[in-house]
Amino acid sequence: MSRKRALIADTFCLKRRRCAADAVPGDTHDGAADIRSSLQHLMTLFSRKLFNDSLPPVALKHQLYSLHSDKTSVDKQSELRANGELLMFQLGFDSEAFALVFAEDYRAKVLQGEAGQETLGTVEKFLAKLIPGCSDLSFNKEKMLKEFLFTDSEITQLVKSGVLTVRDAGSWWLSIPNSGKFIKYFIKGRKAVLGMVKKSKYGEILKTELEERRTTSQVKFQMKYHIHDIVGAELVECIQTTSGTLLRYVDGNIN
């Protein structure tokens, strides 16, 4: 029996029904290079203009599952994180939702936002410590003070700049500055797209047909971006037919 887990409290529930909805060049060997290629593909679907180009392109880890049927292959992203090429962030709306951003894109957008700010020097110091190969999602006070050699006042500046958010007393999450709007739009769009699937005849729709649907005001991202989300998060069931991939609504995913 499929195990259910809460995705957003009282809003979504997730079932493990995984399929590879699309293929991108190089996804057959499932190595680190193939995961990189898949991430680059997903990030081309990210709507940068929606945020006035203030955010780096963002993909979610589970979106990779829509491109790679072998779950263990997605773990190759850890190699990209270990070598400093990729950063991962825990998103606040769910304990198992992780954003992936290429390190250089993150550096560029953070420094762009910090231009002319009094926190710039401290943020530059933090990036110099982080990007060479730190794969941590969070940092405790001991690491920040003794290993990274930051003062309490500098930690406060990093929180102010948005590269850190408070996790609990004495620890902080690595974060993407100004990502609140992204999370808001992402959640609203997911719910709207799932609603489209549910309202289709028999609660199912061809993926190609859904991709061509006109988006509503609730859907800010490209439809394909959301389809990779709902497939990778197992919020719909994928059925292969002679007409293409059929997406079937799974009861209990939205109110």
C-alpha atoms as a PDB file:
ATOM      1  CA  MET A   1       0.000   0.000   0.000  1.00  0.00           C
ATOM      2  CA  SER A   2       1.275   3.453  -0.852  1.00  0.00           C
ATOM      3  CA  ARG A   3       2.416   5.436   2.188  1.00  0.00           C
ATOM      4  CA  LYS A   4       0.811   8.868   2.546  1.00  0.00           C
ATOM      5  CA  ARG A   5       2.657  11.818   3.982  1.00  0.00           C
ATOM      6  CA  ALA A   6       1.644  15.416   4.545  1.00  0.00           C
ATOM      7  CA  LEU A   7       3.014  17.836   1.973  1.00  0.00           C
ATOM      8  CA  ILE A   8       1.321  21.029   3.083  1.00  0.00           C
ATOM      9  CA  ALA A   9      -0.737  20.840   6.238  1.00  0.00           C
ATOM     10  CA  ASP A  10      -4.470  20.359   5.525  1.00  0.00           C
ATOM     11  CA  THR A  11      -3.889  21.120   1.847  1.00  0.00           C
ATOM     12  CA  PHE A  12      -1.882  18.416   0.101  1.00  0.00           C
ATOM     13  CA  CYS A  13      -1.146  14.769   0.662  1.00  0.00           C
ATOM     14  CA  LEU A  14       1.435  12.856  -1.307  1.00  0.00           C
ATOM     15  CA  LYS A  15       1.364   9.269  -2.569  1.00  0.00           C
ATOM     16  CA  ARG A  16       4.320   7.352  -3.938  1.00  0.00           C
ATOM     17  CA  ARG A  17       3.428   6.847  -7.577  1.00  0.00           C
ATOM     18  CA  ARG A  18       6.496   7.687  -9.566  1.00  0.00           C
ATOM     19  CA  CYS A  19       7.090   7.760 -13.295  1.00  0.00           C
ATOM     20  CA  ALA A  20       9.437   9.450 -15.724  1.00  0.00           C
ATOM     21  CA  ALA A  21       7.113  11.882 -17.492  1.00  0.00           C
ATOM     22  CA  ASP A  22       9.679  13.313 -19.866  1.00  0.00           C
ATOM     23  CA  ALA A  23      13.130  12.568 -21.155  1.00  0.00           C
ATOM     24  CA  VAL A  24      15.940  15.022 -21.581  1.00  0.00           C
ATOM     25  CA  PRO A  25      19.242  14.512 -23.350  1.00  0.00           C
ATOM     26  CA  GLY A  26      21.587  12.335 -21.322  1.00  0.00           C
ATOM     27  CA  ASP A  27      19.067  10.861 -18.862  1.00  0.00           C
ATOM     28  CA  THR A  28      19.815   7.247 -19.681  1.00  0.00           C
ATOM     29  CA  HIS A  29      22.966   6.741 -17.617  1.00  0.00           C
ATOM     30  CA  ASP A  30      21.795   8.697 -14.585  1.00  0.00           C
ATOM     31  CA  GLY A  31      25.228   9.986 -13.586  1.00  0.00           C
ATOM     32  CA  ALA A  32      26.048  13.370 -12.113  1.00  0.00           C
ATOM     33  CA  ALA A  33      26.380  14.855 -15.603  1.00  0.00           C
ATOM     34  CA  ASP A  34      22.880  13.624 -16.461  1.00  0.00           C
ATOM     35  CA  ILE A  35      21.444  15.134 -13.293  1.00  0.00           C
ATOM     36  CA  ARG A  36      23.145  18.403 -14.195  1.00  0.00           C
ATOM     37  CA  SER A  37      21.544  18.255 -17.652  1.00  0.00           C
ATOM     38  CA  SER A  38      18.125  17.593 -16.115  1.00  0.00           C
ATOM     39  CA  LEU A  39      18.509  20.508 -13.712  1.00  0.00           C
ATOM     40  CA  GLN A  40      19.500  22.812 -16.551  1.00  0.00           C
ATOM     41  CA  HIS A  41      16.380  21.699 -18.430  1.00  0.00           C
ATOM     42  CA  LEU A  42      14.116  22.357 -15.422  1.00  0.00           C
ATOM     43  CA  MET A  43      15.672  25.757 -14.855  1.00  0.00           C
ATOM     44  CA  THR A  44      14.886  26.843 -18.413  1.00  0.00           C
ATOM     45  CA  LEU A  45      11.239  26.548 -17.313  1.00  0.00           C
ATOM     46  CA  PHE A  46      11.751  28.873 -14.335  1.00  0.00           C
ATOM     47  CA  SER A  47      10.039  32.242 -14.814  1.00  0.00           C
ATOM     48  CA  ARG A  48      12.827  34.713 -14.007  1.00  0.00           C
ATOM     49  CA  LYS A  49      10.883  37.749 -15.244  1.00  0.00           C
ATOM     50  CA  LEU A  50       8.169  36.992 -12.695  1.00  0.00           C
ATOM     51  CA  PHE A  51      10.587  38.138  -9.993  1.00  0.00           C
ATOM     52  CA  ASN A  52      12.193  40.965 -11.976  1.00  0.00           C
ATOM     53  CA  ASP A  53      15.238  38.737 -12.416  1.00  0.00           C
ATOM     54  CA  SER A  54      16.030  39.037  -8.695  1.00  0.00           C
ATOM     55  CA  LEU A  55      16.028  35.280  -8.052  1.00  0.00           C
ATOM     56  CA  PRO A  56      18.375  32.622  -9.446  1.00  0.00           C
ATOM     57  CA  PRO A  57      16.702  29.829 -11.444  1.00  0.00           C
ATOM     58  CA  VAL A  58      15.246  27.332  -8.965  1.00  0.00           C
ATOM     59  CA  ALA A  59      14.347  23.660  -9.385  1.00  0.00           C
ATOM     60  CA  LEU A  60      12.979  21.358  -6.720  1.00  0.00           C
ATOM     61  CA  LYS A  61      14.698  18.091  -5.971  1.00  0.00           C
ATOM     62  CA  HIS A  62      11.533  16.043  -6.459  1.00  0.00           C
ATOM     63  CA  GLN A  63      11.054  17.501  -9.950  1.00  0.00           C
ATOM     64  CA  LEU A  64      14.050  15.387 -10.962  1.00  0.00           C
ATOM     65  CA  TYR A  65      11.968  12.284 -10.223  1.00  0.00           C
ATOM     66  CA  SER A  66       9.729  13.240 -13.153  1.00  0.00           C
ATOM     67  CA  LEU A  67      12.767  12.883 -15.424  1.00  0.00           C
ATOM     68  CA  HIS A  68      14.533   9.919 -13.798  1.00  0.00           C
ATOM     69  CA  SER A  69      12.534   6.818 -12.906  1.00  0.00           C
ATOM     70  CA  ASP A  70      15.371   5.505 -10.732  1.00  0.00           C
ATOM     71  CA  LYS A  71      15.162   7.405  -7.461  1.00  0.00           C
ATOM     72  CA  THR A  72      18.722   6.542  -6.453  1.00  0.00           C
ATOM     73  CA  SER A  73      20.052   8.247  -9.582  1.00  0.00           C
ATOM     74  CA  VAL A  74      18.748  11.570  -8.287  1.00  0.00           C
ATOM     75  CA  ASP A  75      21.109  11.185  -5.341  1.00  0.00           C
ATOM     76  CA  LYS A  76      23.885  11.993  -7.806  1.00  0.00           C
ATOM     77  CA  GLN A  77      23.028  15.629  -7.151  1.00  0.00           C
ATOM     78  CA  SER A  78      24.978  15.201  -3.907  1.00  0.00           C
ATOM     79  CA  GLU A  79      28.145  14.949  -6.012  1.00  0.00           C
ATOM     80  CA  LEU A  80      27.371  18.317  -7.572  1.00  0.00           C
ATOM     81  CA  ARG A  81      26.827  19.748  -4.092  1.00  0.00           C
ATOM     82  CA  ALA A  82      30.050  18.244  -2.754  1.00  0.00           C
ATOM     83  CA  ASN A  83      32.137  19.858  -5.487  1.00  0.00           C
ATOM     84  CA  GLY A  84      30.553  23.250  -4.903  1.00  0.00           C
ATOM     85  CA  GLU A  85      28.564  23.373  -8.133  1.00  0.00           C
ATOM     86  CA  LEU A  86      25.108  23.066  -6.588  1.00  0.00           C
ATOM     87  CA  LEU A  87      23.406  24.355  -3.437  1.00  0.00           C
ATOM     88  CA  MET A  88      20.353  22.870  -1.726  1.00  0.00           C
ATOM     89  CA  PHE A  89      17.824  24.688   0.446  1.00  0.00           C
ATOM     90  CA  GLN A  90      15.086  23.410   2.728  1.00  0.00           C
ATOM     91  CA  LEU A  91      11.840  25.187   1.848  1.00  0.00           C
ATOM     92  CA  GLY A  92       9.654  26.243   4.710  1.00  0.00           C
ATOM     93  CA  PHE A  93       6.324  24.825   3.528  1.00  0.00           C
ATOM     94  CA  ASP A  94       7.366  21.179   3.798  1.00  0.00           C
ATOM     95  CA  SER A  95      10.138  19.273   5.545  1.00  0.00           C
ATOM     96  CA  GLU A  96      10.802  17.193   2.431  1.00  0.00           C
ATOM     97  CA  ALA A  97      10.728  20.008  -0.136  1.00  0.00           C
ATOM     98  CA  PHE A  98      14.220  21.000  -1.230  1.00  0.00           C
ATOM     99  CA  ALA A  99      15.198  23.693  -3.730  1.00  0.00           C
ATOM    100  CA  LEU A 100      18.282  23.270  -5.912  1.00  0.00           C
ATOM    101  CA  VAL A 101      20.216  26.252  -7.296  1.00  0.00           C
ATOM    102  CA  PHE A 102      23.508  26.356  -9.156  1.00  0.00           C
ATOM    103  CA  ALA A 103      26.090  27.974  -6.877  1.00  0.00           C
ATOM    104  CA  GLU A 104      27.274  30.589  -9.361  1.00  0.00           C
ATOM    105  CA  ASP A 105      23.690  31.651 -10.096  1.00  0.00           C
ATOM    106  CA  TYR A 106      23.106  31.990  -6.361  1.00  0.00           C
ATOM    107  CA  ARG A 107      26.280  34.007  -5.873  1.00  0.00           C
ATOM    108  CA  ALA A 108      25.422  36.351  -8.750  1.00  0.00           C
ATOM    109  CA  LYS A 109      21.877  37.097  -7.557  1.00  0.00           C
ATOM    110  CA  VAL A 110      22.861  37.484  -3.912  1.00  0.00           C
ATOM    111  CA  LEU A 111      25.614  39.961  -4.790  1.00  0.00           C
ATOM    112  CA  GLN A 112      23.265  41.766  -7.184  1.00  0.00           C
ATOM    113  CA  GLY A 113      20.805  42.256  -4.333  1.00  0.00           C
ATOM    114  CA  GLU A 114      23.549  43.316  -1.933  1.00  0.00           C
ATOM    115  CA  ALA A 115      25.012  46.025  -4.171  1.00  0.00           C
ATOM    116  CA  GLY A 116      25.411  49.201  -2.135  1.00  0.00           C
ATOM    117  CA  GLN A 117      24.267  47.577   1.119  1.00  0.00           C
ATOM    118  CA  GLU A 118      26.253  47.771   4.349  1.00  0.00           C
ATOM    119  CA  THR A 119      26.008  43.984   4.671  1.00  0.00           C
ATOM    120  CA  LEU A 120      27.858  43.374   1.370  1.00  0.00           C
ATOM    121  CA  GLY A 121      31.270  42.650   2.915  1.00  0.00           C
ATOM    122  CA  THR A 122      29.877  40.123   5.371  1.00  0.00           C
ATOM    123  CA  VAL A 123      27.843  38.409   2.650  1.00  0.00           C
ATOM    124  CA  GLU A 124      30.890  38.185   0.371  1.00  0.00           C
ATOM    125  CA  LYS A 125      32.820  36.559   3.223  1.00  0.00           C
ATOM    126  CA  PHE A 126      30.000  34.066   3.759  1.00  0.00           C
ATOM    127  CA  LEU A 127      29.826  33.152   0.065  1.00  0.00           C
ATOM    128  CA  ALA A 128      33.582  32.598   0.010  1.00  0.00           C
ATOM    129  CA  LYS A 129      33.184  30.085   2.857  1.00  0.00           C
ATOM    130  CA  LEU A 130      30.054  28.457   1.426  1.00  0.00           C
ATOM    131  CA  ILE A 131      30.538  27.895  -2.290  1.00  0.00           C
ATOM    132  CA  PRO A 132      33.900  26.073  -2.457  1.00  0.00           C
ATOM    133  CA  GLY A 133      32.159  22.885  -1.375  1.00  0.00           C
ATOM    134  CA  CYS A 134      29.980  23.323   1.712  1.00  0.00           C
ATOM    135  CA  SER A 135      26.918  21.099   1.283  1.00  0.00           C
ATOM    136  CA  ASP A 136      25.244  21.964   4.604  1.00  0.00           C
ATOM    137  CA  LEU A 137      21.597  22.983   4.642  1.00  0.00           C
ATOM    138  CA  SER A 138      21.909  24.622   8.045  1.00  0.00           C
ATOM    139  CA  PHE A 139      24.576  25.925  10.383  1.00  0.00           C
ATOM    140  CA  ASN A 140      24.825  25.957  14.160  1.00  0.00           C
ATOM    141  CA  LYS A 141      26.359  28.735  16.199  1.00  0.00           C
ATOM    142  CA  GLU A 142      29.528  26.785  16.943  1.00  0.00           C
ATOM    143  CA  LYS A 143      30.282  26.301  13.252  1.00  0.00           C
ATOM    144  CA  MET A 144      29.494  29.906  12.399  1.00  0.00           C
ATOM    145  CA  LEU A 145      31.724  31.245  15.203  1.00  0.00           C
ATOM    146  CA  LYS A 146      34.588  28.745  15.343  1.00  0.00           C
ATOM    147  CA  GLU A 147      34.875  27.353  11.812  1.00  0.00           C
ATOM    148  CA  PHE A 148      33.573  30.194   9.665  1.00  0.00           C
ATOM    149  CA  LEU A 149      34.884  32.816  12.146  1.00  0.00           C
ATOM    150  CA  PHE A 150      31.845  35.081  12.099  1.00  0.00           C
ATOM    151  CA  THR A 151      30.892  37.326  14.984  1.00  0.00           C
ATOM    152  CA  ASP A 152      27.386  37.509  16.436  1.00  0.00           C
ATOM    153  CA  SER A 153      26.854  40.858  14.737  1.00  0.00           C
ATOM    154  CA  GLU A 154      27.931  39.417  11.379  1.00  0.00           C
ATOM    155  CA  ILE A 155      25.486  36.532  11.775  1.00  0.00           C
ATOM    156  CA  THR A 156      22.774  39.130  12.365  1.00  0.00           C
ATOM    157  CA  GLN A 157      23.816  40.835   9.120  1.00  0.00           C
ATOM    158  CA  LEU A 158      23.574  37.528   7.221  1.00  0.00           C
ATOM    159  CA  VAL A 159      20.046  37.023   8.523  1.00  0.00           C
ATOM    160  CA  LYS A 160      19.180  40.602   7.551  1.00  0.00           C
ATOM    161  CA  SER A 161      20.500  40.011   4.027  1.00  0.00           C
ATOM    162  CA  GLY A 162      18.390  36.865   3.652  1.00  0.00           C
ATOM    163  CA  VAL A 163      21.156  34.305   3.060  1.00  0.00           C
ATOM    164  CA  LEU A 164      20.332  32.796   6.451  1.00  0.00           C
ATOM    165  CA  THR A 165      16.976  32.346   8.184  1.00  0.00           C
ATOM    166  CA  VAL A 166      16.467  31.314  11.781  1.00  0.00           C
ATOM    167  CA  ARG A 167      15.931  27.584  12.225  1.00  0.00           C
ATOM    168  CA  ASP A 168      15.816  27.612  16.011  1.00  0.00           C
ATOM    169  CA  ALA A 169      17.808  29.101  18.872  1.00  0.00           C
ATOM    170  CA  GLY A 170      21.450  28.979  17.824  1.00  0.00           C
ATOM    171  CA  SER A 171      21.028  27.584  14.294  1.00  0.00           C
ATOM    172  CA  TRP A 172      20.124  28.909  10.855  1.00  0.00           C
ATOM    173  CA  TRP A 173      18.956  27.572   7.504  1.00  0.00           C
ATOM    174  CA  LEU A 174      20.796  28.495   4.339  1.00  0.00           C
ATOM    175  CA  SER A 175      18.227  30.445   2.319  1.00  0.00           C
ATOM    176  CA  ILE A 176      17.508  32.204  -0.942  1.00  0.00           C
ATOM    177  CA  PRO A 177      16.921  35.943  -0.400  1.00  0.00           C
ATOM    178  CA  ASN A 178      13.471  37.167  -1.467  1.00  0.00           C
ATOM    179  CA  SER A 179      12.171  33.635  -2.052  1.00  0.00           C
ATOM    180  CA  GLY A 180       8.903  34.191  -0.187  1.00  0.00           C
ATOM    181  CA  LYS A 181       7.028  35.202  -3.324  1.00  0.00           C
ATOM    182  CA  PHE A 182       8.396  32.153  -5.170  1.00  0.00           C
ATOM    183  CA  ILE A 183       7.028  29.816  -2.501  1.00  0.00           C
ATOM    184  CA  LYS A 184       3.660  31.602  -2.493  1.00  0.00           C
ATOM    185  CA  TYR A 185       3.274  31.389  -6.276  1.00  0.00           C
ATOM    186  CA  PHE A 186       4.532  27.813  -6.350  1.00  0.00           C
ATOM    187  CA  ILE A 187       1.978  26.550  -3.815  1.00  0.00           C
ATOM    188  CA  LYS A 188      -0.930  28.417  -5.448  1.00  0.00           C
ATOM    189  CA  GLY A 189       0.067  27.165  -8.894  1.00  0.00           C
ATOM    190  CA  ARG A 190       0.395  23.570  -7.751  1.00  0.00           C
ATOM    191  CA  LYS A 191      -3.081  23.624  -6.242  1.00  0.00           C
ATOM    192  CA  ALA A 192      -4.556  25.182  -9.401  1.00  0.00           C
ATOM    193  CA  VAL A 193      -2.916  22.658 -11.750  1.00  0.00           C
ATOM    194  CA  LEU A 194      -4.020  19.739  -9.583  1.00  0.00           C
ATOM    195  CA  GLY A 195      -7.513  21.215  -9.734  1.00  0.00           C
ATOM    196  CA  MET A 196      -7.357  21.153 -13.542  1.00  0.00           C
ATOM    197  CA  VAL A 197      -6.532  17.454 -13.479  1.00  0.00           C
ATOM    198  CA  LYS A 198      -9.283  16.709 -10.967  1.00  0.00           C
ATOM    199  CA  LYS A 199     -11.925  18.584 -12.974  1.00  0.00           C
ATOM    200  CA  SER A 200     -11.045  16.790 -16.214  1.00  0.00           C
ATOM    201  CA  LYS A 201     -13.289  13.939 -17.373  1.00  0.00           C
ATOM    202  CA  TYR A 202     -12.747  10.918 -15.117  1.00  0.00           C
ATOM    203  CA  GLY A 203     -10.151  12.974 -13.246  1.00  0.00           C
ATOM    204  CA  GLU A 204      -7.486  12.322 -15.854  1.00  0.00           C
ATOM    205  CA  ILE A 205      -5.871  14.217 -18.710  1.00  0.00           C
ATOM    206  CA  LEU A 206      -3.132  13.674 -21.251  1.00  0.00           C
ATOM    207  CA  LYS A 207       0.057  15.400 -20.218  1.00  0.00           C
ATOM    208  CA  THR A 208       0.371  17.041 -23.637  1.00  0.00           C
ATOM    209  CA  GLU A 209      -3.166  18.431 -23.310  1.00  0.00           C
ATOM    210  CA  LEU A 210      -2.440  19.839 -19.859  1.00  0.00           C
ATOM    211  CA  GLU A 211       0.759  21.447 -21.149  1.00  0.00           C
ATOM    212  CA  GLU A 212      -1.320  23.324 -23.722  1.00  0.00           C
ATOM    213  CA  ARG A 213      -3.949  24.542 -21.259  1.00  0.00           C
ATOM    214  CA  ARG A 214      -4.226  28.295 -20.830  1.00  0.00           C
ATOM    215  CA  THR A 215      -3.021  29.218 -17.396  1.00  0.00           C
ATOM    216  CA  THR A 216      -5.239  30.974 -14.874  1.00  0.00           C
ATOM    217  CA  SER A 217      -4.291  33.915 -12.681  1.00  0.00           C
ATOM    218  CA  GLN A 218      -3.316  31.382 -10.013  1.00  0.00           C
ATOM    219  CA  VAL A 219      -0.665  29.809 -12.252  1.00  0.00           C
ATOM    220  CA  LYS A 220       2.330  32.115 -12.525  1.00  0.00           C
ATOM    221  CA  PHE A 221       4.908  29.572 -13.703  1.00  0.00           C
ATOM    222  CA  GLN A 222       5.070  27.721 -16.992  1.00  0.00           C
ATOM    223  CA  MET A 223       2.678  24.774 -17.027  1.00  0.00           C
ATOM    224  CA  LYS A 224       5.539  22.340 -17.661  1.00  0.00           C
ATOM    225  CA  TYR A 225       7.254  23.528 -14.478  1.00  0.00           C
ATOM    226  CA  HIS A 226       4.183  22.590 -12.452  1.00  0.00           C
ATOM    227  CA  ILE A 227       3.736  19.282 -14.287  1.00  0.00           C
ATOM    228  CA  HIS A 228       7.270  18.246 -13.366  1.00  0.00           C
ATOM    229  CA  ASP A 229       6.312  19.154  -9.786  1.00  0.00           C
ATOM    230  CA  ILE A 230       3.077  17.182  -9.489  1.00  0.00           C
ATOM    231  CA  VAL A 231       4.569  14.158 -11.258  1.00  0.00           C
ATOM    232  CA  GLY A 232       7.805  14.190  -9.273  1.00  0.00           C
ATOM    233  CA  ALA A 233       5.954  14.711  -5.980  1.00  0.00           C
ATOM    234  CA  GLU A 234       3.609  11.826  -6.878  1.00  0.00           C
ATOM    235  CA  LEU A 235       0.521  13.991  -6.610  1.00  0.00           C
ATOM    236  CA  VAL A 236      -0.796  12.395  -9.821  1.00  0.00           C
ATOM    237  CA  GLU A 237      -0.530   8.890 -11.184  1.00  0.00           C
ATOM    238  CA  CYS A 238       1.135   8.455 -14.571  1.00  0.00           C
ATOM    239  CA  ILE A 239      -0.298   5.949 -17.036  1.00  0.00           C
ATOM    240  CA  GLN A 240       1.389   5.243 -20.348  1.00  0.00           C
ATOM    241  CA  THR A 241      -1.088   5.000 -23.243  1.00  0.00           C
ATOM    242  CA  THR A 242      -0.830   4.856 -27.016  1.00  0.00           C
ATOM    243  CA  SER A 243      -1.774   8.550 -27.031  1.00  0.00           C
ATOM    244  CA  GLY A 244       0.963   9.494 -24.581  1.00  0.00           C
ATOM    245  CA  THR A 245       1.290   9.895 -20.826  1.00  0.00           C
ATOM    246  CA  LEU A 246      -2.013  10.161 -18.983  1.00  0.00           C
ATOM    247  CA  LEU A 247      -2.061  12.003 -15.672  1.00  0.00           C
ATOM    248  CA  ARG A 248      -4.678  10.734 -13.229  1.00  0.00           C
ATOM    249  CA  TYR A 249      -5.776  12.671 -10.176  1.00  0.00           C
ATOM    250  CA  VAL A 250      -5.101  10.836  -6.905  1.00  0.00           C
ATOM    251  CA  ASP A 251      -7.874  11.302  -4.335  1.00  0.00           C
ATOM    252  CA  GLY A 252      -6.942  13.332  -1.280  1.00  0.00           C
ATOM    253  CA  ASN A 253      -4.346  15.669  -2.829  1.00  0.00           C
ATOM    254  CA  ILE A 254      -6.344  18.901  -2.605  1.00  0.00           C
ATOM    255  CA  ASN A 255      -9.357  20.083  -0.667  1.00  0.00           C
END
